[in-house]
Amino acid sequence: MQRYGINTRCYEKEEEKGNGSLIIMIGEDLYKNVDNPDIENWINTTKSLSNMFISKGKKVFRMASDLSSHFLSQGLVEQ
């Protein structure tokens, strides 16, 4: 996003003068093993993030995945 001129830093971690409303994770953190994705980890991470945003008083939580950068780039269409 930053390569396209979108300043994500102002929405990221609160410690870095952001407001904490944006979290960017890489596929390896969510799925662990690309050949056998850890769906349970993905579900738990999603629940944890949702609870964190709710505790901050947020009413809306969106999660987006860029599967092309994690699975498709490695030829793992089925996953």
Protein backbone atom coordinates (compact mmCIF):
# COMPACT_ATOMS: atom_id res chain seq x y z
CA MET A 1 0.00 0.00 0.00
CA GLN A 2 2.83 2.36 0.79
CA ARG A 3 4.27 1.85 -2.70
CA TYR A 4 1.01 3.30 -4.02
CA GLY A 5 1.16 6.37 -1.79
CA ILE A 6 -1.14 5.18 0.99
CA ASN A 7 0.22 6.18 4.39
CA THR A 8 -0.53 3.09 6.47
CA ARG A 9 1.74 4.13 9.34
CA CYS A 10 -0.82 6.58 10.68
CA TYR A 11 -3.24 3.67 11.20
CA GLU A 12 -0.84 1.03 12.46
CA LYS A 13 0.62 0.37 15.90
CA GLU A 14 -0.31 2.85 18.59
CA GLU A 15 3.23 2.85 19.98
CA GLU A 16 4.47 4.36 16.71
CA LYS A 17 2.08 7.35 16.83
CA GLY A 18 -0.62 5.47 14.95
CA ASN A 19 -4.19 4.88 16.05
CA GLY A 20 -3.93 1.07 16.03
CA SER A 21 -6.87 0.54 13.67
CA LEU A 22 -4.81 -1.28 11.01
CA ILE A 23 -2.90 -4.51 11.46
CA ILE A 24 -0.96 -5.99 8.57
CA MET A 25 0.07 -9.63 8.86
CA ILE A 26 1.87 -11.87 6.43
CA GLY A 27 0.46 -15.20 5.29
CA GLU A 28 3.13 -17.23 7.06
CA ASP A 29 1.94 -15.84 10.41
CA LEU A 30 -1.65 -16.84 9.72
CA TYR A 31 -1.37 -20.12 7.85
CA LYS A 32 2.03 -21.43 9.10
CA ASN A 33 2.53 -24.28 6.60
CA VAL A 34 1.57 -23.41 3.01
CA ASP A 35 1.18 -27.05 1.99
CA ASN A 36 -1.21 -27.73 4.87
CA PRO A 37 -2.67 -24.39 6.05
CA ASP A 38 -3.37 -24.07 9.78
CA ILE A 39 -7.00 -22.99 9.59
CA GLU A 40 -7.38 -23.26 13.37
CA ASN A 41 -4.62 -20.66 13.81
CA TRP A 42 -6.34 -18.40 11.28
CA ILE A 43 -9.66 -18.70 13.17
CA ASN A 44 -8.01 -18.03 16.55
CA THR A 45 -6.09 -15.05 15.18
CA THR A 46 -9.28 -13.62 13.69
CA LYS A 47 -11.13 -14.04 16.99
CA SER A 48 -8.26 -12.43 18.90
CA LEU A 49 -8.13 -9.45 16.54
CA SER A 50 -11.89 -9.07 16.69
CA ASN A 51 -11.85 -9.08 20.50
CA MET A 52 -9.02 -6.55 20.54
CA PHE A 53 -10.90 -4.12 18.29
CA ILE A 54 -14.12 -4.57 20.29
CA SER A 55 -12.21 -3.79 23.50
CA LYS A 56 -11.06 -0.54 21.85
CA GLY A 57 -14.68 0.41 21.21
CA LYS A 58 -14.62 -0.32 17.49
CA LYS A 59 -17.97 -1.36 16.04
CA VAL A 60 -16.68 -2.64 12.71
CA PHE A 61 -13.94 -5.15 11.99
CA ARG A 62 -12.80 -6.07 8.46
CA MET A 63 -10.22 -8.61 7.48
CA ALA A 64 -8.82 -8.92 3.99
CA SER A 65 -6.43 -11.52 2.62
CA ASP A 66 -4.18 -11.32 -0.38
CA LEU A 67 -4.08 -14.97 -1.31
CA SER A 68 -2.05 -14.32 -4.43
CA SER A 69 0.99 -13.33 -2.41
CA HIS A 70 0.84 -16.37 -0.14
CA PHE A 71 -0.65 -19.33 -1.98
CA LEU A 72 -0.97 -18.55 -5.66
CA SER A 73 2.59 -17.26 -6.03
CA GLN A 74 3.77 -20.71 -4.93
CA GLY A 75 1.45 -22.56 -7.32
CA LEU A 76 -0.83 -23.71 -4.51
CA VAL A 77 -4.19 -23.06 -6.17
CA GLU A 78 -6.03 -25.78 -4.23
CA GLN A 79 -4.99 -24.38 -0.85
